[in-house]
């Protein structure tokens, strides 16, 4: 399950990165200001050195003019569902 979570984290971060590049043209300072967080937080997120809290996910979604649901769309833990059925 941990491996799946890491894959999901990487995929969500990549979705965020693509939207960030489109909307903020790679300017992490402007993105951080729009997300009302520290620029270091954004840098660590993109370097995959940091996780993302639910609070940060909502702030980032707002800055990117999308929803957390859209950022997470299609991300599922297949093994978790299978384990619950046992």
N, C-alpha and C. Protein backbone atom coordinates (compact mmCIF):
# COMPACT_ATOMS: atom_id res chain seq x y z
N UNK A 1 0.83 -1.20 0.00
CA UNK A 1 0.00 0.00 0.00
C UNK A 1 0.87 1.26 0.00
N UNK A 2 1.99 1.23 0.72
CA UNK A 2 2.86 2.41 0.78
C UNK A 2 3.38 2.79 -0.61
N UNK A 3 3.70 1.77 -1.41
CA UNK A 3 4.19 2.03 -2.76
C UNK A 3 3.11 2.73 -3.59
N UNK A 4 1.86 2.27 -3.45
CA UNK A 4 0.75 2.90 -4.18
C UNK A 4 0.57 4.35 -3.74
N UNK A 5 0.70 4.60 -2.45
CA UNK A 5 0.57 5.97 -1.95
C UNK A 5 1.66 6.87 -2.52
N UNK A 6 2.87 6.35 -2.63
CA UNK A 6 3.97 7.13 -3.20
C UNK A 6 3.71 7.44 -4.68
N UNK A 7 3.16 6.48 -5.39
CA UNK A 7 2.83 6.69 -6.81
C UNK A 7 1.75 7.75 -6.95
N UNK A 8 0.73 7.67 -6.11
CA UNK A 8 -0.34 8.67 -6.13
C UNK A 8 0.21 10.04 -5.82
N UNK A 9 1.05 10.14 -4.80
CA UNK A 9 1.67 11.42 -4.43
C UNK A 9 2.44 12.00 -5.61
N UNK A 10 3.21 11.15 -6.28
CA UNK A 10 4.00 11.61 -7.43
C UNK A 10 3.09 12.08 -8.56
N UNK A 11 2.02 11.34 -8.83
CA UNK A 11 1.10 11.70 -9.90
C UNK A 11 0.36 13.01 -9.61
N UNK A 12 -0.09 13.19 -8.38
CA UNK A 12 -0.78 14.42 -8.01
C UNK A 12 0.18 15.61 -8.11
N UNK A 13 1.41 15.40 -7.63
CA UNK A 13 2.41 16.47 -7.72
C UNK A 13 2.68 16.84 -9.17
N UNK A 14 2.71 15.85 -10.05
CA UNK A 14 2.93 16.12 -11.47
C UNK A 14 1.75 16.89 -12.07
N UNK A 15 0.54 16.56 -11.68
CA UNK A 15 -0.63 17.33 -12.14
C UNK A 15 -0.53 18.77 -11.69
N UNK A 16 -0.15 18.96 -10.45
CA UNK A 16 0.01 20.31 -9.90
C UNK A 16 1.09 21.05 -10.67
N UNK A 17 2.22 20.38 -10.93
CA UNK A 17 3.32 21.02 -11.65
C UNK A 17 2.88 21.49 -13.04
N UNK A 18 2.14 20.66 -13.76
CA UNK A 18 1.68 21.04 -15.10
C UNK A 18 0.77 22.27 -15.05
N UNK A 19 -0.18 22.26 -14.14
CA UNK A 19 -1.07 23.42 -14.01
C UNK A 19 -0.31 24.66 -13.57
N UNK A 20 0.63 24.48 -12.66
CA UNK A 20 1.48 25.58 -12.18
C UNK A 20 2.26 26.20 -13.33
N UNK A 21 2.83 25.37 -14.19
CA UNK A 21 3.60 25.89 -15.32
C UNK A 21 2.72 26.67 -16.28
N UNK A 22 1.49 26.19 -16.49
CA UNK A 22 0.56 26.89 -17.37
C UNK A 22 0.12 28.22 -16.78
N UNK A 23 -0.27 28.20 -15.52
CA UNK A 23 -0.85 29.39 -14.89
C UNK A 23 0.19 30.40 -14.41
N UNK A 24 1.30 29.92 -13.90
CA UNK A 24 2.30 30.82 -13.29
C UNK A 24 3.62 30.86 -14.06
N UNK A 25 3.65 30.23 -15.21
CA UNK A 25 4.83 30.26 -16.09
C UNK A 25 6.12 29.92 -15.33
N UNK A 26 6.02 29.00 -14.38
CA UNK A 26 7.19 28.55 -13.65
C UNK A 26 7.65 29.44 -12.51
N UNK A 27 6.89 30.49 -12.22
CA UNK A 27 7.27 31.41 -11.15
C UNK A 27 6.76 30.89 -9.79
N UNK A 28 7.67 30.26 -9.05
CA UNK A 28 7.29 29.67 -7.77
C UNK A 28 6.91 30.71 -6.73
N UNK A 29 7.50 31.89 -6.82
CA UNK A 29 7.19 32.95 -5.86
C UNK A 29 5.73 33.39 -6.00
N UNK A 30 5.30 33.60 -7.24
CA UNK A 30 3.91 34.00 -7.48
C UNK A 30 2.94 32.89 -7.09
N UNK A 31 3.32 31.66 -7.39
CA UNK A 31 2.48 30.51 -7.04
C UNK A 31 2.33 30.40 -5.52
N UNK A 32 3.43 30.52 -4.82
CA UNK A 32 3.40 30.45 -3.36
C UNK A 32 2.53 31.56 -2.78
N UNK A 33 2.65 32.75 -3.34
CA UNK A 33 1.84 33.88 -2.85
C UNK A 33 0.36 33.61 -3.09
N UNK A 34 0.03 33.08 -4.27
CA UNK A 34 -1.37 32.79 -4.58
C UNK A 34 -1.92 31.66 -3.69
N UNK A 35 -1.04 30.72 -3.33
CA UNK A 35 -1.45 29.60 -2.47
C UNK A 35 -1.34 29.95 -0.99
N UNK A 36 -0.87 31.17 -0.72
CA UNK A 36 -0.72 31.64 0.66
C UNK A 36 0.13 30.67 1.50
N UNK A 37 1.29 30.31 0.91
CA UNK A 37 2.23 29.45 1.63
C UNK A 37 3.64 29.93 1.32
N UNK A 38 4.59 29.33 1.98
CA UNK A 38 5.99 29.71 1.81
C UNK A 38 6.53 29.15 0.49
N UNK A 39 7.39 29.91 -0.15
CA UNK A 39 7.99 29.45 -1.41
C UNK A 39 8.78 28.15 -1.19
N UNK A 40 9.37 28.00 -0.04
CA UNK A 40 10.12 26.79 0.29
C UNK A 40 9.21 25.56 0.28
N UNK A 41 7.99 25.73 0.72
CA UNK A 41 7.01 24.63 0.72
C UNK A 41 6.76 24.14 -0.70
N UNK A 42 6.62 25.06 -1.63
CA UNK A 42 6.40 24.72 -3.03
C UNK A 42 7.64 24.03 -3.60
N UNK A 43 8.78 24.58 -3.32
CA UNK A 43 10.04 24.02 -3.82
C UNK A 43 10.21 22.57 -3.32
N UNK A 44 9.98 22.34 -2.03
CA UNK A 44 10.12 21.00 -1.47
C UNK A 44 9.10 20.03 -2.06
N UNK A 45 7.90 20.52 -2.30
CA UNK A 45 6.87 19.69 -2.92
C UNK A 45 7.30 19.23 -4.31
N UNK A 46 7.80 20.16 -5.11
CA UNK A 46 8.21 19.81 -6.47
C UNK A 46 9.48 18.97 -6.51
N UNK A 47 10.30 19.07 -5.49
CA UNK A 47 11.51 18.24 -5.41
C UNK A 47 11.19 16.87 -4.81
N UNK A 48 9.93 16.67 -4.47
CA UNK A 48 9.44 15.44 -3.86
C UNK A 48 10.15 15.13 -2.55
N UNK A 49 10.52 16.18 -1.83
CA UNK A 49 11.14 16.03 -0.52
C UNK A 49 10.13 16.24 0.60
N UNK A 50 8.91 16.53 0.23
CA UNK A 50 7.92 16.86 1.24
C UNK A 50 6.56 16.30 0.83
N UNK A 51 5.78 15.93 1.82
CA UNK A 51 4.42 15.51 1.56
C UNK A 51 3.52 16.73 1.45
N UNK A 52 2.24 16.46 1.35
CA UNK A 52 1.29 17.55 1.21
C UNK A 52 0.15 17.34 2.20
N UNK A 53 -0.11 18.33 2.99
CA UNK A 53 -1.23 18.25 3.91
C UNK A 53 -2.52 18.52 3.15
N UNK A 54 -3.61 18.17 3.75
CA UNK A 54 -4.92 18.46 3.16
C UNK A 54 -5.11 19.97 3.03
N UNK A 55 -4.65 20.70 4.03
CA UNK A 55 -4.72 22.15 4.02
C UNK A 55 -3.97 22.72 2.80
N UNK A 56 -2.77 22.23 2.58
CA UNK A 56 -1.97 22.70 1.44
C UNK A 56 -2.63 22.32 0.12
N UNK A 57 -3.19 21.13 0.04
CA UNK A 57 -3.88 20.71 -1.18
C UNK A 57 -5.00 21.69 -1.54
N UNK A 58 -5.78 22.09 -0.54
CA UNK A 58 -6.87 23.04 -0.79
C UNK A 58 -6.33 24.40 -1.22
N UNK A 59 -5.26 24.87 -0.60
CA UNK A 59 -4.67 26.16 -0.96
C UNK A 59 -4.12 26.12 -2.39
N UNK A 60 -3.44 25.04 -2.72
CA UNK A 60 -2.88 24.89 -4.07
C UNK A 60 -4.00 24.83 -5.11
N UNK A 61 -5.04 24.07 -4.83
CA UNK A 61 -6.17 23.97 -5.76
C UNK A 61 -6.79 25.35 -6.00
N UNK A 62 -6.97 26.11 -4.95
CA UNK A 62 -7.53 27.45 -5.07
C UNK A 62 -6.63 28.34 -5.94
N UNK A 63 -5.33 28.28 -5.70
CA UNK A 63 -4.38 29.08 -6.47
C UNK A 63 -4.38 28.68 -7.95
N UNK A 64 -4.62 27.41 -8.22
CA UNK A 64 -4.64 26.91 -9.60
C UNK A 64 -6.02 27.00 -10.24
N UNK A 65 -6.98 27.56 -9.48
CA UNK A 65 -8.35 27.72 -9.95
C UNK A 65 -8.97 26.38 -10.35
N UNK A 66 -8.77 25.41 -9.50
CA UNK A 66 -9.38 24.09 -9.69
C UNK A 66 -9.86 23.61 -8.33
N UNK A 67 -10.21 22.35 -8.23
CA UNK A 67 -10.66 21.80 -6.95
C UNK A 67 -9.73 20.66 -6.54
N UNK A 68 -9.66 20.39 -5.25
CA UNK A 68 -8.88 19.24 -4.80
C UNK A 68 -9.39 17.94 -5.46
N UNK A 69 -10.69 17.84 -5.65
CA UNK A 69 -11.26 16.65 -6.28
C UNK A 69 -10.71 16.42 -7.68
N UNK A 70 -10.58 17.49 -8.44
CA UNK A 70 -10.05 17.36 -9.80
C UNK A 70 -8.58 16.96 -9.77
N UNK A 71 -7.83 17.47 -8.80
CA UNK A 71 -6.41 17.11 -8.68
C UNK A 71 -6.25 15.64 -8.31
N UNK A 72 -7.22 15.11 -7.58
CA UNK A 72 -7.16 13.71 -7.12
C UNK A 72 -7.95 12.75 -8.00
N UNK A 73 -8.62 13.27 -9.01
CA UNK A 73 -9.49 12.46 -9.85
C UNK A 73 -8.75 11.25 -10.43
N UNK A 74 -9.36 10.08 -10.25
CA UNK A 74 -8.79 8.85 -10.81
C UNK A 74 -7.75 8.19 -9.94
N UNK A 75 -7.37 8.81 -8.85
CA UNK A 75 -6.36 8.24 -7.95
C UNK A 75 -7.06 7.30 -6.98
N UNK A 76 -6.70 6.03 -7.03
CA UNK A 76 -7.35 5.05 -6.16
C UNK A 76 -6.32 4.07 -5.62
N UNK A 77 -6.62 3.54 -4.44
CA UNK A 77 -5.80 2.50 -3.84
C UNK A 77 -6.48 1.16 -4.08
N UNK A 78 -6.11 0.48 -5.13
CA UNK A 78 -6.75 -0.78 -5.48
C UNK A 78 -6.55 -1.85 -4.40
N UNK A 79 -5.37 -1.91 -3.83
CA UNK A 79 -5.09 -2.94 -2.83
C UNK A 79 -5.88 -2.73 -1.55
N UNK A 80 -6.13 -1.49 -1.18
CA UNK A 80 -6.88 -1.21 0.03
C UNK A 80 -8.29 -1.77 -0.11
N UNK A 81 -8.91 -1.56 -1.23
CA UNK A 81 -10.25 -2.06 -1.48
C UNK A 81 -10.27 -3.59 -1.42
N UNK A 82 -9.28 -4.22 -2.01
CA UNK A 82 -9.20 -5.68 -2.02
C UNK A 82 -9.00 -6.23 -0.61
N UNK A 83 -8.19 -5.55 0.21
CA UNK A 83 -7.92 -5.99 1.56
C UNK A 83 -9.17 -5.86 2.45
N UNK A 84 -9.96 -4.84 2.25
CA UNK A 84 -11.17 -4.63 3.05
C UNK A 84 -12.19 -5.72 2.79
N UNK A 85 -12.21 -6.28 1.59
CA UNK A 85 -13.18 -7.30 1.23
C UNK A 85 -12.84 -8.66 1.85
N UNK A 86 -11.59 -8.85 2.25
CA UNK A 86 -11.16 -10.14 2.83
C UNK A 86 -11.77 -10.37 4.18
